[in-house]
């Protein structure tokens, strides 16, 4: 938990390419939808 908690903030590095791509990548990682999709994949695949 401690190691991964701030890992999503690395997505801001996409801003080095341009602001539009940076916003897209950052929002994908920081959206609750991503967490829900990942949880659904966990349930479907049985990967804790």
ModelCIF file with pLDDT and N, C-alpha, C, O atoms, coordinates in Angstrom:
data_MODEL
#
_entry.id   MODEL 
#
_entity.id                         1 
_entity.type                       polymer 
_entity.pdbx_number_of_molecules   1 
#
_entity_poly.entity_id                      1 
_entity_poly.type                           'polypeptide(L)' 
_entity_poly.nstd_linkage                   no 
_entity_poly.nstd_monomer                   no 
_entity_poly.pdbx_seq_one_letter_code       
;(UNK)(UNK)(UNK)(UNK)(UNK)(UNK)(UNK)(UNK)(UNK)(UNK)(UNK)(UNK)(UNK)(UNK)(UNK)(UNK)
(UNK)(UNK)(UNK)(UNK)(UNK)(UNK)(UNK)(UNK)(UNK)(UNK)(UNK)(UNK)(UNK)(UNK)(UNK)(UNK)
(UNK)(UNK)(UNK)(UNK)(UNK)(UNK)(UNK)(UNK)(UNK)(UNK)(UNK)(UNK)(UNK)(UNK)(UNK)(UNK)
;
_entity_poly.pdbx_seq_one_letter_code_can   XXXXXXXXXXXXXXXXXXXXXXXXXXXXXXXXXXXXXXXXXXXXXXXX 
_entity_poly.pdbx_strand_id                 A 
#
loop_
_entity_poly_seq.entity_id 
_entity_poly_seq.num 
_entity_poly_seq.mon_id 
_entity_poly_seq.hetero 
1 1  UNK n 
1 2  UNK n 
1 3  UNK n 
1 4  UNK n 
1 5  UNK n 
1 6  UNK n 
1 7  UNK n 
1 8  UNK n 
1 9  UNK n 
1 10 UNK n 
1 11 UNK n 
1 12 UNK n 
1 13 UNK n 
1 14 UNK n 
1 15 UNK n 
1 16 UNK n 
1 17 UNK n 
1 18 UNK n 
1 19 UNK n 
1 20 UNK n 
1 21 UNK n 
1 22 UNK n 
1 23 UNK n 
1 24 UNK n 
1 25 UNK n 
1 26 UNK n 
1 27 UNK n 
1 28 UNK n 
1 29 UNK n 
1 30 UNK n 
1 31 UNK n 
1 32 UNK n 
1 33 UNK n 
1 34 UNK n 
1 35 UNK n 
1 36 UNK n 
1 37 UNK n 
1 38 UNK n 
1 39 UNK n 
1 40 UNK n 
1 41 UNK n 
1 42 UNK n 
1 43 UNK n 
1 44 UNK n 
1 45 UNK n 
1 46 UNK n 
1 47 UNK n 
1 48 UNK n 
#
_struct_asym.id          A 
_struct_asym.entity_id   1 
#
loop_
_ma_qa_metric.id 
_ma_qa_metric.mode 
_ma_qa_metric.name 
_ma_qa_metric.software_group_id 
_ma_qa_metric.type 
1 global pLDDT . pLDDT 
2 local  pLDDT . pLDDT 
#
_ma_qa_metric_global.metric_id      1 
_ma_qa_metric_global.metric_value   94.52 
_ma_qa_metric_global.model_id       1 
_ma_qa_metric_global.ordinal_id     1 
#
loop_
_ma_qa_metric_local.label_asym_id 
_ma_qa_metric_local.label_comp_id 
_ma_qa_metric_local.label_seq_id 
_ma_qa_metric_local.metric_id 
_ma_qa_metric_local.metric_value 
_ma_qa_metric_local.model_id 
_ma_qa_metric_local.ordinal_id 
A UNK 1  2 98.00 1 1  
A UNK 2  2 97.00 1 2  
A UNK 3  2 96.00 1 3  
A UNK 4  2 97.00 1 4  
A UNK 5  2 98.00 1 5  
A UNK 6  2 96.00 1 6  
A UNK 7  2 96.00 1 7  
A UNK 8  2 95.00 1 8  
A UNK 9  2 92.00 1 9  
A UNK 10 2 94.00 1 10 
A UNK 11 2 93.00 1 11 
A UNK 12 2 87.00 1 12 
A UNK 13 2 92.00 1 13 
A UNK 14 2 92.00 1 14 
A UNK 15 2 90.00 1 15 
A UNK 16 2 90.00 1 16 
A UNK 17 2 93.00 1 17 
A UNK 18 2 91.00 1 18 
A UNK 19 2 90.00 1 19 
A UNK 20 2 92.00 1 20 
A UNK 21 2 94.00 1 21 
A UNK 22 2 92.00 1 22 
A UNK 23 2 92.00 1 23 
A UNK 24 2 94.00 1 24 
A UNK 25 2 94.00 1 25 
A UNK 26 2 93.00 1 26 
A UNK 27 2 94.00 1 27 
A UNK 28 2 95.00 1 28 
A UNK 29 2 95.00 1 29 
A UNK 30 2 94.00 1 30 
A UNK 31 2 94.00 1 31 
A UNK 32 2 96.00 1 32 
A UNK 33 2 96.00 1 33 
A UNK 34 2 96.00 1 34 
A UNK 35 2 97.00 1 35 
A UNK 36 2 97.00 1 36 
A UNK 37 2 97.00 1 37 
A UNK 38 2 97.00 1 38 
A UNK 39 2 97.00 1 39 
A UNK 40 2 97.00 1 40 
A UNK 41 2 97.00 1 41 
A UNK 42 2 96.00 1 42 
A UNK 43 2 96.00 1 43 
A UNK 44 2 97.00 1 44 
A UNK 45 2 97.00 1 45 
A UNK 46 2 96.00 1 46 
A UNK 47 2 95.00 1 47 
A UNK 48 2 93.00 1 48 
#
loop_
_atom_site.group_PDB 
_atom_site.id 
_atom_site.type_symbol 
_atom_site.label_atom_id 
_atom_site.label_alt_id 
_atom_site.label_comp_id 
_atom_site.label_asym_id 
_atom_site.label_entity_id 
_atom_site.label_seq_id 
_atom_site.pdbx_PDB_ins_code 
_atom_site.Cartn_x 
_atom_site.Cartn_y 
_atom_site.Cartn_z 
_atom_site.occupancy 
_atom_site.B_iso_or_equiv 
_atom_site.pdbx_formal_charge 
_atom_site.auth_seq_id 
_atom_site.auth_comp_id 
_atom_site.auth_asym_id 
_atom_site.auth_atom_id 
_atom_site.pdbx_PDB_model_num 
ATOM 1   N N  . UNK A 1 1  ? 0.845   -1.208  0.000   1.00 98.00 ? 1  UNK A N  1 
ATOM 2   C CA . UNK A 1 1  ? 0.000   0.000   0.000   1.00 98.00 ? 1  UNK A CA 1 
ATOM 3   C C  . UNK A 1 1  ? 0.875   1.251   0.000   1.00 98.00 ? 1  UNK A C  1 
ATOM 4   O O  . UNK A 1 1  ? 0.648   2.167   -0.791  1.00 98.00 ? 1  UNK A O  1 
ATOM 5   N N  . UNK A 1 2  ? 1.862   1.293   0.873   1.00 97.00 ? 2  UNK A N  1 
ATOM 6   C CA . UNK A 1 2  ? 2.730   2.465   0.999   1.00 97.00 ? 2  UNK A CA 1 
ATOM 7   C C  . UNK A 1 2  ? 3.509   2.721   -0.297  1.00 97.00 ? 2  UNK A C  1 
ATOM 8   O O  . UNK A 1 2  ? 3.670   3.868   -0.712  1.00 97.00 ? 2  UNK A O  1 
ATOM 9   N N  . UNK A 1 3  ? 3.978   1.672   -0.916  1.00 96.00 ? 3  UNK A N  1 
ATOM 10  C CA . UNK A 1 3  ? 4.762   1.821   -2.144  1.00 96.00 ? 3  UNK A CA 1 
ATOM 11  C C  . UNK A 1 3  ? 3.886   2.274   -3.310  1.00 96.00 ? 3  UNK A C  1 
ATOM 12  O O  . UNK A 1 3  ? 4.299   3.119   -4.104  1.00 96.00 ? 3  UNK A O  1 
ATOM 13  N N  . UNK A 1 4  ? 2.688   1.720   -3.416  1.00 97.00 ? 4  UNK A N  1 
ATOM 14  C CA . UNK A 1 4  ? 1.835   2.026   -4.579  1.00 97.00 ? 4  UNK A CA 1 
ATOM 15  C C  . UNK A 1 4  ? 0.948   3.255   -4.412  1.00 97.00 ? 4  UNK A C  1 
ATOM 16  O O  . UNK A 1 4  ? 0.413   3.760   -5.399  1.00 97.00 ? 4  UNK A O  1 
ATOM 17  N N  . UNK A 1 5  ? 0.782   3.747   -3.189  1.00 98.00 ? 5  UNK A N  1 
ATOM 18  C CA . UNK A 1 5  ? -0.196  4.812   -2.963  1.00 98.00 ? 5  UNK A CA 1 
ATOM 19  C C  . UNK A 1 5  ? 0.059   6.051   -3.825  1.00 98.00 ? 5  UNK A C  1 
ATOM 20  O O  . UNK A 1 5  ? -0.887  6.603   -4.388  1.00 98.00 ? 5  UNK A O  1 
ATOM 21  N N  . UNK A 1 6  ? 1.285   6.491   -3.940  1.00 96.00 ? 6  UNK A N  1 
ATOM 22  C CA . UNK A 1 6  ? 1.576   7.698   -4.712  1.00 96.00 ? 6  UNK A CA 1 
ATOM 23  C C  . UNK A 1 6  ? 2.018   7.403   -6.154  1.00 96.00 ? 6  UNK A C  1 
ATOM 24  O O  . UNK A 1 6  ? 2.292   8.331   -6.915  1.00 96.00 ? 6  UNK A O  1 
ATOM 25  N N  . UNK A 1 7  ? 2.088   6.146   -6.525  1.00 96.00 ? 7  UNK A N  1 
ATOM 26  C CA . UNK A 1 7  ? 2.484   5.780   -7.885  1.00 96.00 ? 7  UNK A CA 1 
ATOM 27  C C  . UNK A 1 7  ? 1.596   6.409   -8.957  1.00 96.00 ? 7  UNK A C  1 
ATOM 28  O O  . UNK A 1 7  ? 2.125   6.791   -10.001 1.00 96.00 ? 7  UNK A O  1 
ATOM 29  N N  . UNK A 1 8  ? 0.281   6.543   -8.768  1.00 95.00 ? 8  UNK A N  1 
ATOM 30  C CA . UNK A 1 8  ? -0.533  7.179   -9.817  1.00 95.00 ? 8  UNK A CA 1 
ATOM 31  C C  . UNK A 1 8  ? -0.076  8.594   -10.173 1.00 95.00 ? 8  UNK A C  1 
ATOM 32  O O  . UNK A 1 8  ? -0.340  9.067   -11.278 1.00 95.00 ? 8  UNK A O  1 
ATOM 33  N N  . UNK A 1 9  ? 0.602   9.267   -9.255  1.00 92.00 ? 9  UNK A N  1 
ATOM 34  C CA . UNK A 1 9  ? 1.054   10.625  -9.549  1.00 92.00 ? 9  UNK A CA 1 
ATOM 35  C C  . UNK A 1 9  ? 2.162   10.659  -10.595 1.00 92.00 ? 9  UNK A C  1 
ATOM 36  O O  . UNK A 1 9  ? 2.456   11.722  -11.143 1.00 92.00 ? 9  UNK A O  1 
ATOM 37  N N  . UNK A 1 10 ? 2.774   9.530   -10.879 1.00 94.00 ? 10 UNK A N  1 
ATOM 38  C CA . UNK A 1 10 ? 3.772   9.487   -11.944 1.00 94.00 ? 10 UNK A CA 1 
ATOM 39  C C  . UNK A 1 10 ? 3.147   9.777   -13.303 1.00 94.00 ? 10 UNK A C  1 
ATOM 40  O O  . UNK A 1 10 ? 3.854   10.091  -14.260 1.00 94.00 ? 10 UNK A O  1 
ATOM 41  N N  . UNK A 1 11 ? 1.831   9.672   -13.389 1.00 93.00 ? 11 UNK A N  1 
ATOM 42  C CA . UNK A 1 11 ? 1.139   9.943   -14.650 1.00 93.00 ? 11 UNK A CA 1 
ATOM 43  C C  . UNK A 1 11 ? 1.301   11.389  -15.100 1.00 93.00 ? 11 UNK A C  1 
ATOM 44  O O  . UNK A 1 11 ? 1.111   11.691  -16.278 1.00 93.00 ? 11 UNK A O  1 
ATOM 45  N N  . UNK A 1 12 ? 1.650   12.288  -14.183 1.00 87.00 ? 12 UNK A N  1 
ATOM 46  C CA . UNK A 1 12 ? 1.838   13.684  -14.569 1.00 87.00 ? 12 UNK A CA 1 
ATOM 47  C C  . UNK A 1 12 ? 3.011   13.830  -15.534 1.00 87.00 ? 12 UNK A C  1 
ATOM 48  O O  . UNK A 1 12 ? 3.125   14.855  -16.206 1.00 87.00 ? 12 UNK A O  1 
ATOM 49  N N  . UNK A 1 13 ? 3.881   12.830  -15.617 1.00 92.00 ? 13 UNK A N  1 
ATOM 50  C CA . UNK A 1 13 ? 5.030   12.890  -16.530 1.00 92.00 ? 13 UNK A CA 1 
ATOM 51  C C  . UNK A 1 13 ? 4.583   13.033  -17.985 1.00 92.00 ? 13 UNK A C  1 
ATOM 52  O O  . UNK A 1 13 ? 5.342   13.529  -18.817 1.00 92.00 ? 13 UNK A O  1 
ATOM 53  N N  . UNK A 1 14 ? 3.367   12.605  -18.296 1.00 92.00 ? 14 UNK A N  1 
ATOM 54  C CA . UNK A 1 14 ? 2.856   12.750  -19.665 1.00 92.00 ? 14 UNK A CA 1 
ATOM 55  C C  . UNK A 1 14 ? 2.729   14.215  -20.056 1.00 92.00 ? 14 UNK A C  1 
ATOM 56  O O  . UNK A 1 14 ? 2.677   14.535  -21.244 1.00 92.00 ? 14 UNK A O  1 
ATOM 57  N N  . UNK A 1 15 ? 2.679   15.103  -19.080 1.00 90.00 ? 15 UNK A N  1 
ATOM 58  C CA . UNK A 1 15 ? 2.637   16.538  -19.372 1.00 90.00 ? 15 UNK A CA 1 
ATOM 59  C C  . UNK A 1 15 ? 3.926   17.006  -20.053 1.00 90.00 ? 15 UNK A C  1 
ATOM 60  O O  . UNK A 1 15 ? 3.941   18.064  -20.683 1.00 90.00 ? 15 UNK A O  1 
ATOM 61  N N  . UNK A 1 16 ? 4.994   16.238  -19.933 1.00 90.00 ? 16 UNK A N  1 
ATOM 62  C CA . UNK A 1 16 ? 6.250   16.607  -20.600 1.00 90.00 ? 16 UNK A CA 1 
ATOM 63  C C  . UNK A 1 16 ? 6.083   16.570  -22.121 1.00 90.00 ? 16 UNK A C  1 
ATOM 64  O O  . UNK A 1 16 ? 6.793   17.270  -22.844 1.00 90.00 ? 16 UNK A O  1 
ATOM 65  N N  . UNK A 1 17 ? 5.154   15.762  -22.597 1.00 93.00 ? 17 UNK A N  1 
ATOM 66  C CA . UNK A 1 17 ? 4.904   15.690  -24.043 1.00 93.00 ? 17 UNK A CA 1 
ATOM 67  C C  . UNK A 1 17 ? 4.005   16.825  -24.501 1.00 93.00 ? 17 UNK A C  1 
ATOM 68  O O  . UNK A 1 17 ? 4.337   17.552  -25.437 1.00 93.00 ? 17 UNK A O  1 
ATOM 69  N N  . UNK A 1 18 ? 2.872   16.975  -23.842 1.00 91.00 ? 18 UNK A N  1 
ATOM 70  C CA . UNK A 1 18 ? 2.000   18.137  -24.064 1.00 91.00 ? 18 UNK A CA 1 
ATOM 71  C C  . UNK A 1 18 ? 0.857   18.091  -23.055 1.00 91.00 ? 18 UNK A C  1 
ATOM 72  O O  . UNK A 1 18 ? 0.580   17.050  -22.459 1.00 91.00 ? 18 UNK A O  1 
ATOM 73  N N  . UNK A 1 19 ? 0.200   19.233  -22.875 1.00 90.00 ? 19 UNK A N  1 
ATOM 74  C CA . UNK A 1 19 ? -0.829  19.357  -21.838 1.00 90.00 ? 19 UNK A CA 1 
ATOM 75  C C  . UNK A 1 19 ? -2.047  18.483  -22.131 1.00 90.00 ? 19 UNK A C  1 
ATOM 76  O O  . UNK A 1 19 ? -2.640  17.925  -21.208 1.00 90.00 ? 19 UNK A O  1 
ATOM 77  N N  . UNK A 1 20 ? -2.419  18.360  -23.385 1.00 92.00 ? 20 UNK A N  1 
ATOM 78  C CA . UNK A 1 20 ? -3.608  17.559  -23.719 1.00 92.00 ? 20 UNK A CA 1 
ATOM 79  C C  . UNK A 1 20 ? -3.382  16.091  -23.368 1.00 92.00 ? 20 UNK A C  1 
ATOM 80  O O  . UNK A 1 20 ? -4.219  15.467  -22.717 1.00 92.00 ? 20 UNK A O  1 
ATOM 81  N N  . UNK A 1 21 ? -2.244  15.541  -23.805 1.00 94.00 ? 21 UNK A N  1 
ATOM 82  C CA . UNK A 1 21 ? -1.934  14.152  -23.490 1.00 94.00 ? 21 UNK A CA 1 
ATOM 83  C C  . UNK A 1 21 ? -1.754  13.982  -21.984 1.00 94.00 ? 21 UNK A C  1 
ATOM 84  O O  . UNK A 1 21 ? -2.194  12.985  -21.411 1.00 94.00 ? 21 UNK A O  1 
ATOM 85  N N  . UNK A 1 22 ? -1.112  14.944  -21.351 1.00 92.00 ? 22 UNK A N  1 
ATOM 86  C CA . UNK A 1 22 ? -0.928  14.887  -19.905 1.00 92.00 ? 22 UNK A CA 1 
ATOM 87  C C  . UNK A 1 22 ? -2.257  14.794  -19.172 1.00 92.00 ? 22 UNK A C  1 
ATOM 88  O O  . UNK A 1 22 ? -2.414  13.992  -18.251 1.00 92.00 ? 22 UNK A O  1 
ATOM 89  N N  . UNK A 1 23 ? -3.216  15.626  -19.590 1.00 92.00 ? 23 UNK A N  1 
ATOM 90  C CA . UNK A 1 23 ? -4.536  15.605  -18.948 1.00 92.00 ? 23 UNK A CA 1 
ATOM 91  C C  . UNK A 1 23 ? -5.239  14.268  -19.163 1.00 92.00 ? 23 UNK A C  1 
ATOM 92  O O  . UNK A 1 23 ? -5.854  13.732  -18.241 1.00 92.00 ? 23 UNK A O  1 
ATOM 93  N N  . UNK A 1 24 ? -5.148  13.732  -20.372 1.00 94.00 ? 24 UNK A N  1 
ATOM 94  C CA . UNK A 1 24 ? -5.801  12.450  -20.677 1.00 94.00 ? 24 UNK A CA 1 
ATOM 95  C C  . UNK A 1 24 ? -5.222  11.336  -19.804 1.00 94.00 ? 24 UNK A C  1 
ATOM 96  O O  . UNK A 1 24 ? -5.968  10.585  -19.175 1.00 94.00 ? 24 UNK A O  1 
ATOM 97  N N  . UNK A 1 25 ? -3.900  11.231  -19.767 1.00 94.00 ? 25 UNK A N  1 
ATOM 98  C CA . UNK A 1 25 ? -3.254  10.170  -18.989 1.00 94.00 ? 25 UNK A CA 1 
ATOM 99  C C  . UNK A 1 25 ? -3.533  10.356  -17.498 1.00 94.00 ? 25 UNK A C  1 
ATOM 100 O O  . UNK A 1 25 ? -3.894  9.402   -16.809 1.00 94.00 ? 25 UNK A O  1 
ATOM 101 N N  . UNK A 1 26 ? -3.368  11.571  -17.005 1.00 93.00 ? 26 UNK A N  1 
ATOM 102 C CA . UNK A 1 26 ? -3.603  11.850  -15.597 1.00 93.00 ? 26 UNK A CA 1 
ATOM 103 C C  . UNK A 1 26 ? -5.048  11.491  -15.218 1.00 93.00 ? 26 UNK A C  1 
ATOM 104 O O  . UNK A 1 26 ? -5.280  10.837  -14.202 1.00 93.00 ? 26 UNK A O  1 
ATOM 105 N N  . UNK A 1 27 ? -6.003  11.917  -16.027 1.00 94.00 ? 27 UNK A N  1 
ATOM 106 C CA . UNK A 1 27 ? -7.411  11.652  -15.719 1.00 94.00 ? 27 UNK A CA 1 
ATOM 107 C C  . UNK A 1 27 ? -7.750  10.172  -15.792 1.00 94.00 ? 27 UNK A C  1 
ATOM 108 O O  . UNK A 1 27 ? -8.563  9.686   -15.006 1.00 94.00 ? 27 UNK A O  1 
ATOM 109 N N  . UNK A 1 28 ? -7.140  9.452   -16.721 1.00 95.00 ? 28 UNK A N  1 
ATOM 110 C CA . UNK A 1 28 ? -7.391  8.008   -16.799 1.00 95.00 ? 28 UNK A CA 1 
ATOM 111 C C  . UNK A 1 28 ? -6.946  7.313   -15.506 1.00 95.00 ? 28 UNK A C  1 
ATOM 112 O O  . UNK A 1 28 ? -7.637  6.433   -14.993 1.00 95.00 ? 28 UNK A O  1 
ATOM 113 N N  . UNK A 1 29 ? -5.806  7.713   -15.001 1.00 95.00 ? 29 UNK A N  1 
ATOM 114 C CA . UNK A 1 29 ? -5.263  7.082   -13.799 1.00 95.00 ? 29 UNK A CA 1 
ATOM 115 C C  . UNK A 1 29 ? -5.994  7.542   -12.539 1.00 95.00 ? 29 UNK A C  1 
ATOM 116 O O  . UNK A 1 29 ? -6.131  6.773   -11.587 1.00 95.00 ? 29 UNK A O  1 
ATOM 117 N N  . UNK A 1 30 ? -6.459  8.782   -12.529 1.00 94.00 ? 30 UNK A N  1 
ATOM 118 C CA . UNK A 1 30 ? -7.082  9.340   -11.331 1.00 94.00 ? 30 UNK A CA 1 
ATOM 119 C C  . UNK A 1 30 ? -8.614  9.283   -11.343 1.00 94.00 ? 30 UNK A C  1 
ATOM 120 O O  . UNK A 1 30 ? -9.261  9.885   -10.486 1.00 94.00 ? 30 UNK A O  1 
ATOM 121 N N  . UNK A 1 31 ? -9.177  8.586   -12.279 1.00 94.00 ? 31 UNK A N  1 
ATOM 122 C CA . UNK A 1 31 ? -10.625 8.447   -12.343 1.00 94.00 ? 31 UNK A CA 1 
ATOM 123 C C  . UNK A 1 31 ? -11.065 7.235   -11.524 1.00 94.00 ? 31 UNK A C  1 
ATOM 124 O O  . UNK A 1 31 ? -10.400 6.199   -11.522 1.00 94.00 ? 31 UNK A O  1 
ATOM 125 N N  . UNK A 1 32 ? -12.173 7.378   -10.842 1.00 96.00 ? 32 UNK A N  1 
ATOM 126 C CA . UNK A 1 32 ? -12.725 6.227   -10.116 1.00 96.00 ? 32 UNK A CA 1 
ATOM 127 C C  . UNK A 1 32 ? -13.109 5.111   -11.082 1.00 96.00 ? 32 UNK A C  1 
ATOM 128 O O  . UNK A 1 32 ? -13.146 3.940   -10.704 1.00 96.00 ? 32 UNK A O  1 
ATOM 129 N N  . UNK A 1 33 ? -13.391 5.475   -12.320 1.00 96.00 ? 33 UNK A N  1 
ATOM 130 C CA . UNK A 1 33 ? -13.765 4.477   -13.325 1.00 96.00 ? 33 UNK A CA 1 
ATOM 131 C C  . UNK A 1 33 ? -12.630 3.479   -13.522 1.00 96.00 ? 33 UNK A C  1 
ATOM 132 O O  . UNK A 1 33 ? -12.880 2.279   -13.644 1.00 96.00 ? 33 UNK A O  1 
ATOM 133 N N  . UNK A 1 34 ? -11.391 3.955   -13.557 1.00 96.00 ? 34 UNK A N  1 
ATOM 134 C CA . UNK A 1 34 ? -10.248 3.048   -13.721 1.00 96.00 ? 34 UNK A CA 1 
ATOM 135 C C  . UNK A 1 34 ? -10.180 2.047   -12.578 1.00 96.00 ? 34 UNK A C  1 
ATOM 136 O O  . UNK A 1 34 ? -9.936  0.861   -12.801 1.00 96.00 ? 34 UNK A O  1 
ATOM 137 N N  . UNK A 1 35 ? -10.395 2.518   -11.359 1.00 97.00 ? 35 UNK A N  1 
ATOM 138 C CA . UNK A 1 35 ? -10.368 1.628   -10.204 1.00 97.00 ? 35 UNK A CA 1 
ATOM 139 C C  . UNK A 1 35 ? -11.497 0.599   -10.285 1.00 97.00 ? 35 UNK A C  1 
ATOM 140 O O  . UNK A 1 35 ? -11.300 -0.570  -9.955  1.00 97.00 ? 35 UNK A O  1 
ATOM 141 N N  . UNK A 1 36 ? -12.660 1.029   -10.716 1.00 97.00 ? 36 UNK A N  1 
ATOM 142 C CA . UNK A 1 36 ? -13.801 0.112   -10.839 1.00 97.00 ? 36 UNK A CA 1 
ATOM 143 C C  . UNK A 1 36 ? -13.545 -0.929  -11.919 1.00 97.00 ? 36 UNK A C  1 
ATOM 144 O O  . UNK A 1 36 ? -13.842 -2.108  -11.727 1.00 97.00 ? 36 UNK A O  1 
ATOM 145 N N  . UNK A 1 37 ? -12.991 -0.499  -13.060 1.00 97.00 ? 37 UNK A N  1 
ATOM 146 C CA . UNK A 1 37 ? -12.681 -1.448  -14.138 1.00 97.00 ? 37 UNK A CA 1 
ATOM 147 C C  . UNK A 1 37 ? -11.628 -2.461  -13.694 1.00 97.00 ? 37 UNK A C  1 
ATOM 148 O O  . UNK A 1 37 ? -11.727 -3.646  -14.013 1.00 97.00 ? 37 UNK A O  1 
ATOM 149 N N  . UNK A 1 38 ? -10.637 -1.997  -12.969 1.00 97.00 ? 38 UNK A N  1 
ATOM 150 C CA . UNK A 1 38 ? -9.604  -2.891  -12.453 1.00 97.00 ? 38 UNK A CA 1 
ATOM 151 C C  . UNK A 1 38 ? -10.187 -3.878  -11.438 1.00 97.00 ? 38 UNK A C  1 
ATOM 152 O O  . UNK A 1 38 ? -9.821  -5.053  -11.431 1.00 97.00 ? 38 UNK A O  1 
ATOM 153 N N  . UNK A 1 39 ? -11.085 -3.405  -10.591 1.00 97.00 ? 39 UNK A N  1 
ATOM 154 C CA . UNK A 1 39 ? -11.746 -4.292  -9.626  1.00 97.00 ? 39 UNK A CA 1 
ATOM 155 C C  . UNK A 1 39 ? -12.596 -5.331  -10.349 1.00 97.00 ? 39 UNK A C  1 
ATOM 156 O O  . UNK A 1 39 ? -12.625 -6.499  -9.960  1.00 97.00 ? 39 UNK A O  1 
ATOM 157 N N  . UNK A 1 40 ? -13.286 -4.902  -11.401 1.00 97.00 ? 40 UNK A N  1 
ATOM 158 C CA . UNK A 1 40 ? -14.077 -5.848  -12.196 1.00 97.00 ? 40 UNK A CA 1 
ATOM 159 C C  . UNK A 1 40 ? -13.210 -6.897  -12.865 1.00 97.00 ? 40 UNK A C  1 
ATOM 160 O O  . UNK A 1 40 ? -13.570 -8.074  -12.907 1.00 97.00 ? 40 UNK A O  1 
ATOM 161 N N  . UNK A 1 41 ? -12.062 -6.471  -13.391 1.00 97.00 ? 41 UNK A N  1 
ATOM 162 C CA . UNK A 1 41 ? -11.133 -7.421  -14.008 1.00 97.00 ? 41 UNK A CA 1 
ATOM 163 C C  . UNK A 1 41 ? -10.631 -8.411  -12.965 1.00 97.00 ? 41 UNK A C  1 
ATOM 164 O O  . UNK A 1 41 ? -10.476 -9.598  -13.251 1.00 97.00 ? 41 UNK A O  1 
ATOM 165 N N  . UNK A 1 42 ? -10.377 -7.921  -11.756 1.00 96.00 ? 42 UNK A N  1 
ATOM 166 C CA . UNK A 1 42 ? -9.942  -8.794  -10.669 1.00 96.00 ? 42 UNK A CA 1 
ATOM 167 C C  . UNK A 1 42 ? -10.990 -9.863  -10.378 1.00 96.00 ? 42 UNK A C  1 
ATOM 168 O O  . UNK A 1 42 ? -10.677 -11.040 -10.205 1.00 96.00 ? 42 UNK A O  1 
ATOM 169 N N  . UNK A 1 43 ? -12.221 -9.424  -10.329 1.00 96.00 ? 43 UNK A N  1 
ATOM 170 C CA . UNK A 1 43 ? -13.313 -10.363 -10.042 1.00 96.00 ? 43 UNK A CA 1 
ATOM 171 C C  . UNK A 1 43 ? -13.465 -11.378 -11.168 1.00 96.00 ? 43 UNK A C  1 
ATOM 172 O O  . UNK A 1 43 ? -13.595 -12.575 -10.912 1.00 96.00 ? 43 UNK A O  1 
ATOM 173 N N  . UNK A 1 44 ? -13.450 -10.902 -12.423 1.00 97.00 ? 44 UNK A N  1 
ATOM 174 C CA . UNK A 1 44 ? -13.618 -11.801 -13.567 1.00 97.00 ? 44 UNK A CA 1 
ATOM 175 C C  . UNK A 1 44 ? -12.465 -12.788 -13.707 1.00 97.00 ? 44 UNK A C  1 
ATOM 176 O O  . UNK A 1 44 ? -12.679 -13.955 -14.036 1.00 97.00 ? 44 UNK A O  1 
ATOM 177 N N  . UNK A 1 45 ? -11.258 -12.327 -13.459 1.00 97.00 ? 45 UNK A N  1 
ATOM 178 C CA . UNK A 1 45 ? -10.075 -13.160 -13.646 1.00 97.00 ? 45 UNK A CA 1 
ATOM 179 C C  . UNK A 1 45 ? -9.653  -13.897 -12.375 1.00 97.00 ? 45 UNK A C  1 
ATOM 180 O O  . UNK A 1 45 ? -8.809  -14.792 -12.419 1.00 97.00 ? 45 UNK A O  1 
ATOM 181 N N  . UNK A 1 46 ? -10.249 -13.513 -11.243 1.00 96.00 ? 46 UNK A N  1 
ATOM 182 C CA . UNK A 1 46 ? -9.907  -14.157 -9.979  1.00 96.00 ? 46 UNK A CA 1 
ATOM 183 C C  . UNK A 1 46 ? -8.496  -13.843 -9.505  1.00 96.00 ? 46 UNK A C  1 
ATOM 184 O O  . UNK A 1 46 ? -7.832  -14.687 -8.904  1.00 96.00 ? 46 UNK A O  1 
ATOM 185 N N  . UNK A 1 47 ? -8.041  -12.624 -9.780  1.00 95.00 ? 47 UNK A N  1 
ATOM 186 C CA . UNK A 1 47 ? -6.686  -12.229 -9.390  1.00 95.00 ? 47 UNK A CA 1 
ATOM 187 C C  . UNK A 1 47 ? -6.783  -11.229 -8.234  1.00 95.00 ? 47 UNK A C  1 
ATOM 188 O O  . UNK A 1 47 ? -7.121  -10.063 -8.434  1.00 95.00 ? 47 UNK A O  1 
ATOM 189 N N  . UNK A 1 48 ? -6.483  -11.703 -7.031  1.00 93.00 ? 48 UNK A N  1 
ATOM 190 C CA . UNK A 1 48 ? -6.599  -10.857 -5.835  1.00 93.00 ? 48 UNK A CA 1 
ATOM 191 C C  . UNK A 1 48 ? -5.693  -9.638  -5.888  1.00 93.00 ? 48 UNK A C  1 
ATOM 192 O O  . UNK A 1 48 ? -5.682  -8.837  -4.953  1.00 93.00 ? 48 UNK A O  1 
#
